[in-house]
All heavy atoms as atom14 arrays in JSON, in Angstrom:
{
  "sequence": "QAGGSLRLSCADSGRTFNGNVMGWFRQAPEKEREFVAAIRW",
  "atom14_mask": [
    [1, 1, 1, 1, 1, 1, 1, 1, 1, 0, 0, 0, 0, 0],
    [1, 1, 1, 1, 1, 0, 0, 0, 0, 0, 0, 0, 0, 0],
    [1, 1, 1, 1, 0, 0, 0, 0, 0, 0, 0, 0, 0, 0],
    [1, 1, 1, 1, 0, 0, 0, 0, 0, 0, 0, 0, 0, 0],
    [1, 1, 1, 1, 1, 1, 0, 0, 0, 0, 0, 0, 0, 0],
    [1, 1, 1, 1, 1, 1, 1, 1, 0, 0, 0, 0, 0, 0],
    [1, 1, 1, 1, 1, 1, 1, 1, 1, 1, 1, 0, 0, 0],
    [1, 1, 1, 1, 1, 1, 1, 1, 0, 0, 0, 0, 0, 0],
    [1, 1, 1, 1, 1, 1, 0, 0, 0, 0, 0, 0, 0, 0],
    [1, 1, 1, 1, 1, 1, 0, 0, 0, 0, 0, 0, 0, 0],
    [1, 1, 1, 1, 1, 0, 0, 0, 0, 0, 0, 0, 0, 0],
    [1, 1, 1, 1, 1, 1, 1, 1, 0, 0, 0, 0, 0, 0],
    [1, 1, 1, 1, 1, 1, 0, 0, 0, 0, 0, 0, 0, 0],
    [1, 1, 1, 1, 0, 0, 0, 0, 0, 0, 0, 0, 0, 0],
    [1, 1, 1, 1, 1, 1, 1, 1, 1, 1, 1, 0, 0, 0],
    [1, 1, 1, 1, 1, 1, 1, 0, 0, 0, 0, 0, 0, 0],
    [1, 1, 1, 1, 1, 1, 1, 1, 1, 1, 1, 0, 0, 0],
    [1, 1, 1, 1, 1, 1, 1, 1, 0, 0, 0, 0, 0, 0],
    [1, 1, 1, 1, 0, 0, 0, 0, 0, 0, 0, 0, 0, 0],
    [1, 1, 1, 1, 1, 1, 1, 1, 0, 0, 0, 0, 0, 0],
    [1, 1, 1, 1, 1, 1, 1, 0, 0, 0, 0, 0, 0, 0],
    [1, 1, 1, 1, 1, 1, 1, 1, 0, 0, 0, 0, 0, 0],
    [1, 1, 1, 1, 0, 0, 0, 0, 0, 0, 0, 0, 0, 0],
    [1, 1, 1, 1, 1, 1, 1, 1, 1, 1, 1, 1, 1, 1],
    [1, 1, 1, 1, 1, 1, 1, 1, 1, 1, 1, 0, 0, 0],
    [1, 1, 1, 1, 1, 1, 1, 1, 1, 1, 1, 0, 0, 0],
    [1, 1, 1, 1, 1, 1, 1, 1, 1, 0, 0, 0, 0, 0],
    [1, 1, 1, 1, 1, 0, 0, 0, 0, 0, 0, 0, 0, 0],
    [1, 1, 1, 1, 1, 1, 1, 0, 0, 0, 0, 0, 0, 0],
    [1, 1, 1, 1, 1, 1, 1, 1, 1, 0, 0, 0, 0, 0],
    [1, 1, 1, 1, 1, 1, 1, 1, 1, 0, 0, 0, 0, 0],
    [1, 1, 1, 1, 1, 1, 1, 1, 1, 0, 0, 0, 0, 0],
    [1, 1, 1, 1, 1, 1, 1, 1, 1, 1, 1, 0, 0, 0],
    [1, 1, 1, 1, 1, 1, 1, 1, 1, 0, 0, 0, 0, 0],
    [1, 1, 1, 1, 1, 1, 1, 1, 1, 1, 1, 0, 0, 0],
    [1, 1, 1, 1, 1, 1, 1, 0, 0, 0, 0, 0, 0, 0],
    [1, 1, 1, 1, 1, 0, 0, 0, 0, 0, 0, 0, 0, 0],
    [1, 1, 1, 1, 1, 0, 0, 0, 0, 0, 0, 0, 0, 0],
    [1, 1, 1, 1, 1, 1, 1, 1, 0, 0, 0, 0, 0, 0],
    [1, 1, 1, 1, 1, 1, 1, 1, 1, 1, 1, 0, 0, 0],
    [1, 1, 1, 1, 1, 1, 1, 1, 1, 1, 1, 1, 1, 1]
  ],
  "atom14_positions": [
    [[-18.97, 3.16, -1.76], [-20.1, 2.37, -1.19], [-19.65, 0.94, -1.14], [-18.79, 0.37, -1.95], [-21.29, 2.53, -2.02], [-22.02, 3.82, -1.99], [-23.29, 3.91, -2.67], [-23.5, 3.18, -3.54], [-24.14, 4.84, -2.12], [0.0, 0.0, 0.0], [0.0, 0.0, 0.0], [0.0, 0.0, 0.0], [0.0, 0.0, 0.0], [0.0, 0.0, 0.0]],
    [[-20.23, 0.13, -0.24], [-19.99, -1.3, -0.18], [-20.22, -1.9, -1.58], [-21.23, -1.55, -2.26], [-20.82, -1.98, 0.82], [0.0, 0.0, 0.0], [0.0, 0.0, 0.0], [0.0, 0.0, 0.0], [0.0, 0.0, 0.0], [0.0, 0.0, 0.0], [0.0, 0.0, 0.0], [0.0, 0.0, 0.0], [0.0, 0.0, 0.0], [0.0, 0.0, 0.0]],
    [[-19.31, -2.78, -2.01], [-19.48, -3.31, -3.38], [-18.73, -2.54, -4.42], [-18.67, -2.97, -5.48], [0.0, 0.0, 0.0], [0.0, 0.0, 0.0], [0.0, 0.0, 0.0], [0.0, 0.0, 0.0], [0.0, 0.0, 0.0], [0.0, 0.0, 0.0], [0.0, 0.0, 0.0], [0.0, 0.0, 0.0], [0.0, 0.0, 0.0], [0.0, 0.0, 0.0]],
    [[-18.37, -1.33, -4.11], [-17.74, -0.49, -5.1], [-16.26, -0.8, -5.18], [-15.72, -1.69, -4.65], [0.0, 0.0, 0.0], [0.0, 0.0, 0.0], [0.0, 0.0, 0.0], [0.0, 0.0, 0.0], [0.0, 0.0, 0.0], [0.0, 0.0, 0.0], [0.0, 0.0, 0.0], [0.0, 0.0, 0.0], [0.0, 0.0, 0.0], [0.0, 0.0, 0.0]],
    [[-15.57, 0.16, -5.92], [-14.11, 0.05, -6.17], [-13.38, 1.27, -6.01], [-14.06, 2.4, -6.12], [-13.94, -0.48, -7.65], [-14.52, -1.7, -7.95], [0.0, 0.0, 0.0], [0.0, 0.0, 0.0], [0.0, 0.0, 0.0], [0.0, 0.0, 0.0], [0.0, 0.0, 0.0], [0.0, 0.0, 0.0], [0.0, 0.0, 0.0], [0.0, 0.0, 0.0]],
    [[-12.13, 1.2, -5.62], [-11.22, 2.27, -5.56], [-9.87, 1.91, -6.06], [-9.53, 0.62, -5.93], [-11.09, 2.82, -4.11], [-12.21, 3.78, -3.57], [-12.01, 4.05, -2.18], [-12.29, 5.0, -4.43], [0.0, 0.0, 0.0], [0.0, 0.0, 0.0], [0.0, 0.0, 0.0], [0.0, 0.0, 0.0], [0.0, 0.0, 0.0], [0.0, 0.0, 0.0]],
    [[-9.07, 2.76, -6.54], [-7.67, 2.43, -6.99], [-6.73, 3.36, -6.23], [-6.75, 4.49, -6.43], [-7.54, 2.48, -8.41], [-6.29, 1.92, -9.04], [-6.12, 2.28, -10.5], [-5.01, 1.54, -11.05], [-4.32, 2.04, -12.18], [-4.57, 3.28, -12.69], [-3.42, 1.28, -12.71], [0.0, 0.0, 0.0], [0.0, 0.0, 0.0], [0.0, 0.0, 0.0]],
    [[-5.83, 2.78, -5.49], [-4.74, 3.55, -4.89], [-3.53, 3.46, -5.69], [-3.22, 2.48, -6.37], [-4.54, 2.95, -3.46], [-5.6, 2.82, -2.52], [-5.22, 2.34, -1.21], [-6.36, 4.18, -2.39], [0.0, 0.0, 0.0], [0.0, 0.0, 0.0], [0.0, 0.0, 0.0], [0.0, 0.0, 0.0], [0.0, 0.0, 0.0], [0.0, 0.0, 0.0]],
    [[-2.74, 4.47, -5.61], [-1.45, 4.4, -6.25], [-0.4, 5.01, -5.24], [-0.76, 5.79, -4.32], [-1.44, 5.3, -7.49], [-1.65, 6.64, -7.22], [0.0, 0.0, 0.0], [0.0, 0.0, 0.0], [0.0, 0.0, 0.0], [0.0, 0.0, 0.0], [0.0, 0.0, 0.0], [0.0, 0.0, 0.0], [0.0, 0.0, 0.0], [0.0, 0.0, 0.0]],
    [[0.83, 4.54, -5.46], [1.93, 4.99, -4.56], [3.18, 5.22, -5.5], [3.53, 4.38, -6.27], [2.18, 3.95, -3.51], [3.73, 4.21, -2.6], [0.0, 0.0, 0.0], [0.0, 0.0, 0.0], [0.0, 0.0, 0.0], [0.0, 0.0, 0.0], [0.0, 0.0, 0.0], [0.0, 0.0, 0.0], [0.0, 0.0, 0.0], [0.0, 0.0, 0.0]],
    [[3.76, 6.36, -5.46], [4.92, 6.6, -6.21], [6.05, 7.15, -5.22], [5.8, 7.69, -4.28], [4.56, 7.77, -7.27], [0.0, 0.0, 0.0], [0.0, 0.0, 0.0], [0.0, 0.0, 0.0], [0.0, 0.0, 0.0], [0.0, 0.0, 0.0], [0.0, 0.0, 0.0], [0.0, 0.0, 0.0], [0.0, 0.0, 0.0], [0.0, 0.0, 0.0]],
    [[7.26, 6.88, -5.77], [8.41, 7.37, -5.0], [8.7, 8.71, -5.66], [9.43, 8.78, -6.78], [9.52, 6.38, -5.23], [10.92, 7.02, -4.74], [10.92, 7.97, -3.94], [12.0, 6.54, -5.22], [0.0, 0.0, 0.0], [0.0, 0.0, 0.0], [0.0, 0.0, 0.0], [0.0, 0.0, 0.0], [0.0, 0.0, 0.0], [0.0, 0.0, 0.0]],
    [[8.36, 9.8, -5.13], [8.5, 11.18, -5.69], [9.89, 11.47, -5.76], [10.37, 12.31, -6.64], [7.73, 12.16, -4.93], [8.1, 12.19, -3.55], [0.0, 0.0, 0.0], [0.0, 0.0, 0.0], [0.0, 0.0, 0.0], [0.0, 0.0, 0.0], [0.0, 0.0, 0.0], [0.0, 0.0, 0.0], [0.0, 0.0, 0.0], [0.0, 0.0, 0.0]],
    [[10.74, 10.85, -4.85], [12.2, 11.16, -4.89], [12.9, 10.42, -6.07], [14.05, 10.79, -6.4], [0.0, 0.0, 0.0], [0.0, 0.0, 0.0], [0.0, 0.0, 0.0], [0.0, 0.0, 0.0], [0.0, 0.0, 0.0], [0.0, 0.0, 0.0], [0.0, 0.0, 0.0], [0.0, 0.0, 0.0], [0.0, 0.0, 0.0], [0.0, 0.0, 0.0]],
    [[12.19, 9.41, -6.49], [12.68, 8.56, -7.65], [14.07, 8.04, -7.41], [15.02, 7.93, -8.21], [12.69, 9.28, -9.03], [11.3, 9.64, -9.5], [11.35, 10.18, -10.84], [11.67, 9.12, -11.81], [10.91, 8.25, -12.27], [9.69, 8.09, -11.88], [11.26, 7.29, -13.18], [0.0, 0.0, 0.0], [0.0, 0.0, 0.0], [0.0, 0.0, 0.0]],
    [[14.29, 7.68, -6.15], [15.64, 7.17, -5.7], [15.55, 5.76, -5.23], [16.48, 5.09, -4.92], [16.23, 7.99, -4.55], [15.36, 8.05, -3.4], [16.54, 9.36, -4.95], [0.0, 0.0, 0.0], [0.0, 0.0, 0.0], [0.0, 0.0, 0.0], [0.0, 0.0, 0.0], [0.0, 0.0, 0.0], [0.0, 0.0, 0.0], [0.0, 0.0, 0.0]],
    [[14.29, 5.2, -5.19], [14.12, 3.81, -4.58], [14.67, 2.83, -5.65], [14.34, 2.78, -6.79], [12.58, 3.54, -4.42], [12.36, 2.11, -3.86], [12.76, 1.81, -2.73], [11.67, 1.21, -4.7], [12.63, 0.5, -2.17], [11.5, -0.04, -4.22], [11.92, -0.41, -3.05], [0.0, 0.0, 0.0], [0.0, 0.0, 0.0], [0.0, 0.0, 0.0]],
    [[15.58, 2.02, -5.14], [16.28, 1.03, -5.95], [16.23, -0.3, -5.2], [17.09, -1.09, -5.18], [17.65, 1.43, -6.16], [18.34, 0.59, -7.31], [17.68, 0.01, -8.09], [19.64, 0.43, -7.1], [0.0, 0.0, 0.0], [0.0, 0.0, 0.0], [0.0, 0.0, 0.0], [0.0, 0.0, 0.0], [0.0, 0.0, 0.0], [0.0, 0.0, 0.0]],
    [[15.04, -0.53, -4.62], [14.88, -1.73, -3.76], [14.23, -2.8, -4.44], [14.08, -3.0, -5.7], [0.0, 0.0, 0.0], [0.0, 0.0, 0.0], [0.0, 0.0, 0.0], [0.0, 0.0, 0.0], [0.0, 0.0, 0.0], [0.0, 0.0, 0.0], [0.0, 0.0, 0.0], [0.0, 0.0, 0.0], [0.0, 0.0, 0.0], [0.0, 0.0, 0.0]],
    [[13.52, -3.6, -3.62], [13.12, -4.9, -4.11], [11.58, -5.19, -3.96], [11.03, -5.94, -4.74], [13.87, -6.0, -3.39], [13.83, -7.32, -4.11], [12.95, -8.06, -4.03], [14.92, -7.49, -4.8], [0.0, 0.0, 0.0], [0.0, 0.0, 0.0], [0.0, 0.0, 0.0], [0.0, 0.0, 0.0], [0.0, 0.0, 0.0], [0.0, 0.0, 0.0]],
    [[10.97, -4.53, -3.03], [9.57, -4.92, -2.61], [8.82, -3.67, -2.28], [9.34, -2.76, -1.62], [9.59, -5.86, -1.39], [8.05, -6.23, -1.11], [10.28, -7.08, -1.64], [0.0, 0.0, 0.0], [0.0, 0.0, 0.0], [0.0, 0.0, 0.0], [0.0, 0.0, 0.0], [0.0, 0.0, 0.0], [0.0, 0.0, 0.0], [0.0, 0.0, 0.0]],
    [[7.59, -3.56, -2.79], [6.75, -2.51, -2.31], [5.39, -3.15, -1.88], [5.03, -4.24, -2.46], [6.5, -1.48, -3.5], [7.73, -0.66, -3.74], [7.53, 0.7, -4.91], [6.64, 1.9, -3.86], [0.0, 0.0, 0.0], [0.0, 0.0, 0.0], [0.0, 0.0, 0.0], [0.0, 0.0, 0.0], [0.0, 0.0, 0.0], [0.0, 0.0, 0.0]],
    [[4.73, -2.45, -1.09], [3.53, -3.1, -0.53], [2.57, -2.13, 0.01], [2.76, -0.89, 0.09], [0.0, 0.0, 0.0], [0.0, 0.0, 0.0], [0.0, 0.0, 0.0], [0.0, 0.0, 0.0], [0.0, 0.0, 0.0], [0.0, 0.0, 0.0], [0.0, 0.0, 0.0], [0.0, 0.0, 0.0], [0.0, 0.0, 0.0], [0.0, 0.0, 0.0]],
    [[1.4, -2.62, 0.47], [0.45, -1.88, 1.11], [0.01, -2.45, 2.62], [-0.16, -3.65, 2.65], [-0.95, -1.78, 0.35], [-0.76, -1.17, -1.01], [-0.42, -1.62, -2.19], [-0.89, 0.23, -1.23], [-0.33, -0.71, -3.16], [-0.67, 0.51, -2.55], [-1.2, 1.36, -0.39], [-0.69, 1.84, -3.11], [-1.33, 2.67, -0.96], [-0.95, 2.82, -2.31]],
    [[-0.18, -1.55, 3.46], [-0.67, -1.88, 4.8], [-1.83, -0.96, 5.11], [-2.03, -0.04, 4.33], [0.4, -1.64, 5.82], [1.46, -2.7, 5.94], [2.42, -2.76, 4.9], [1.56, -3.64, 6.95], [3.41, -3.78, 4.97], [2.53, -4.59, 7.05], [3.45, -4.61, 5.97], [0.0, 0.0, 0.0], [0.0, 0.0, 0.0], [0.0, 0.0, 0.0]],
    [[-2.62, -1.35, 6.1], [-3.7, -0.5, 6.53], [-3.94, -0.52, 7.98], [-3.48, -1.48, 8.59], [-4.96, -0.86, 5.77], [-5.6, -2.25, 6.19], [-6.83, -2.57, 5.31], [-7.44, -3.88, 5.66], [-8.31, -4.46, 5.08], [-8.9, -3.96, 3.95], [-8.78, -5.7, 5.48], [0.0, 0.0, 0.0], [0.0, 0.0, 0.0], [0.0, 0.0, 0.0]],
    [[-4.52, 0.63, 8.45], [-4.82, 0.64, 9.85], [-6.2, 1.31, 10.09], [-6.31, 2.49, 9.68], [-3.72, 1.51, 10.59], [-3.97, 1.42, 12.1], [-2.67, 2.15, 12.81], [-1.87, 2.76, 12.21], [-2.53, 1.75, 14.04], [0.0, 0.0, 0.0], [0.0, 0.0, 0.0], [0.0, 0.0, 0.0], [0.0, 0.0, 0.0], [0.0, 0.0, 0.0]],
    [[-7.05, 0.5, 10.71], [-8.38, 0.99, 11.03], [-8.39, 1.55, 12.43], [-7.4, 1.38, 13.21], [-9.36, -0.17, 10.98], [0.0, 0.0, 0.0], [0.0, 0.0, 0.0], [0.0, 0.0, 0.0], [0.0, 0.0, 0.0], [0.0, 0.0, 0.0], [0.0, 0.0, 0.0], [0.0, 0.0, 0.0], [0.0, 0.0, 0.0], [0.0, 0.0, 0.0]],
    [[-9.33, 2.53, 12.71], [-9.37, 3.04, 14.0], [-9.35, 2.05, 15.1], [-9.98, 1.12, 15.16], [-10.75, 3.75, 14.05], [-10.93, 4.07, 12.48], [-10.46, 2.94, 11.82], [0.0, 0.0, 0.0], [0.0, 0.0, 0.0], [0.0, 0.0, 0.0], [0.0, 0.0, 0.0], [0.0, 0.0, 0.0], [0.0, 0.0, 0.0], [0.0, 0.0, 0.0]],
    [[-8.42, 2.33, 16.04], [-8.31, 1.56, 17.33], [-7.74, 0.07, 16.97], [-8.02, -0.72, 17.85], [-9.63, 1.57, 18.14], [-10.04, 2.85, 18.53], [-11.25, 2.88, 19.39], [-11.92, 1.77, 19.47], [-11.71, 3.94, 19.83], [0.0, 0.0, 0.0], [0.0, 0.0, 0.0], [0.0, 0.0, 0.0], [0.0, 0.0, 0.0], [0.0, 0.0, 0.0]],
    [[-7.26, -0.07, 15.82], [-6.61, -1.44, 15.47], [-5.24, -1.17, 15.14], [-4.77, -0.17, 14.77], [-7.58, -2.02, 14.35], [-8.9, -2.48, 14.71], [-9.55, -3.21, 13.67], [-10.91, -3.72, 14.1], [-11.5, -4.53, 12.95], [0.0, 0.0, 0.0], [0.0, 0.0, 0.0], [0.0, 0.0, 0.0], [0.0, 0.0, 0.0], [0.0, 0.0, 0.0]],
    [[-4.51, -2.35, 15.13], [-3.16, -2.34, 14.69], [-3.01, -2.32, 13.16], [-3.85, -2.74, 12.6], [-2.35, -3.6, 15.3], [-2.28, -3.63, 16.75], [-1.4, -4.6, 17.31], [-0.99, -5.52, 16.47], [-1.14, -4.7, 18.54], [0.0, 0.0, 0.0], [0.0, 0.0, 0.0], [0.0, 0.0, 0.0], [0.0, 0.0, 0.0], [0.0, 0.0, 0.0]],
    [[-1.82, -1.76, 12.75], [-1.64, -1.76, 11.29], [-1.53, -3.16, 10.82], [-0.94, -3.99, 11.41], [-0.4, -0.98, 11.0], [-0.14, -0.81, 9.49], [0.96, 0.3, 9.27], [2.19, 0.09, 9.96], [3.14, 1.0, 10.03], [3.02, 2.12, 9.44], [4.29, 0.6, 10.63], [0.0, 0.0, 0.0], [0.0, 0.0, 0.0], [0.0, 0.0, 0.0]],
    [[-2.09, -3.44, 9.63], [-2.05, -4.92, 9.13], [-1.68, -4.86, 7.67], [-1.94, -3.94, 6.93], [-3.45, -5.5, 9.34], [-4.57, -4.94, 8.51], [-5.88, -5.73, 8.52], [-5.92, -6.72, 9.32], [-6.85, -5.21, 7.92], [0.0, 0.0, 0.0], [0.0, 0.0, 0.0], [0.0, 0.0, 0.0], [0.0, 0.0, 0.0], [0.0, 0.0, 0.0]],
    [[-1.11, -6.0, 7.25], [-0.6, -6.08, 5.92], [-1.78, -6.41, 4.96], [-2.82, -6.92, 5.34], [0.32, -7.4, 5.81], [0.64, -7.89, 4.5], [1.6, -7.11, 3.75], [0.06, -9.0, 3.97], [1.91, -7.6, 2.48], [0.46, -9.42, 2.64], [1.38, -8.84, 1.94], [0.0, 0.0, 0.0], [0.0, 0.0, 0.0], [0.0, 0.0, 0.0]],
    [[-1.66, -5.8, 3.79], [-2.73, -5.95, 2.79], [-2.09, -6.68, 1.52], [-2.72, -7.77, 1.16], [-3.22, -4.55, 2.3], [-4.23, -4.75, 1.18], [-3.89, -3.79, 3.48], [0.0, 0.0, 0.0], [0.0, 0.0, 0.0], [0.0, 0.0, 0.0], [0.0, 0.0, 0.0], [0.0, 0.0, 0.0], [0.0, 0.0, 0.0], [0.0, 0.0, 0.0]],
    [[-1.05, -6.21, 0.96], [-0.52, -6.8, -0.25], [0.83, -6.3, -0.46], [1.25, -5.18, -0.1], [-1.36, -6.52, -1.45], [0.0, 0.0, 0.0], [0.0, 0.0, 0.0], [0.0, 0.0, 0.0], [0.0, 0.0, 0.0], [0.0, 0.0, 0.0], [0.0, 0.0, 0.0], [0.0, 0.0, 0.0], [0.0, 0.0, 0.0], [0.0, 0.0, 0.0]],
    [[1.69, -7.06, -1.19], [3.06, -6.71, -1.6], [3.38, -7.25, -2.92], [2.79, -8.28, -3.42], [3.97, -7.14, -0.54], [0.0, 0.0, 0.0], [0.0, 0.0, 0.0], [0.0, 0.0, 0.0], [0.0, 0.0, 0.0], [0.0, 0.0, 0.0], [0.0, 0.0, 0.0], [0.0, 0.0, 0.0], [0.0, 0.0, 0.0], [0.0, 0.0, 0.0]],
    [[4.33, -6.7, -3.56], [4.77, -7.2, -4.83], [6.34, -7.09, -5.02], [6.93, -6.14, -4.48], [4.05, -6.43, -6.0], [4.28, -7.0, -7.28], [4.42, -4.87, -6.04], [3.39, -6.57, -8.4], [0.0, 0.0, 0.0], [0.0, 0.0, 0.0], [0.0, 0.0, 0.0], [0.0, 0.0, 0.0], [0.0, 0.0, 0.0], [0.0, 0.0, 0.0]],
    [[6.93, -7.98, -5.58], [8.28, -7.97, -5.84], [8.61, -7.23, -7.03], [7.94, -7.23, -8.09], [8.84, -9.44, -6.1], [8.94, -10.3, -4.78], [10.12, -9.99, -4.05], [11.38, -10.17, -4.66], [12.07, -11.31, -4.71], [11.52, -12.47, -4.17], [13.22, -11.44, -5.39], [0.0, 0.0, 0.0], [0.0, 0.0, 0.0], [0.0, 0.0, 0.0]],
    [[9.65, -6.46, -7.06], [9.95, -5.47, -8.16], [10.37, -6.19, -9.4], [10.05, -5.79, -10.57], [10.95, -4.46, -7.74], [10.81, -3.04, -8.34], [11.63, -2.52, -9.16], [9.58, -2.36, -8.27], [11.08, -1.29, -9.67], [9.89, -1.2, -9.12], [8.42, -2.37, -7.63], [8.93, -0.07, -9.21], [7.52, -1.39, -7.81], [7.81, -0.24, -8.53]]
  ]
}
């Protein structure tokens, strides 16, 4: 509901990621994908 909270998680199930940055994007209906947040490893 509006005003509420959710927590998303993302894991590399292959456990092979050895990179530098992970982040979140989102895409609403009929809109382009947009950046949400990112974090340096």
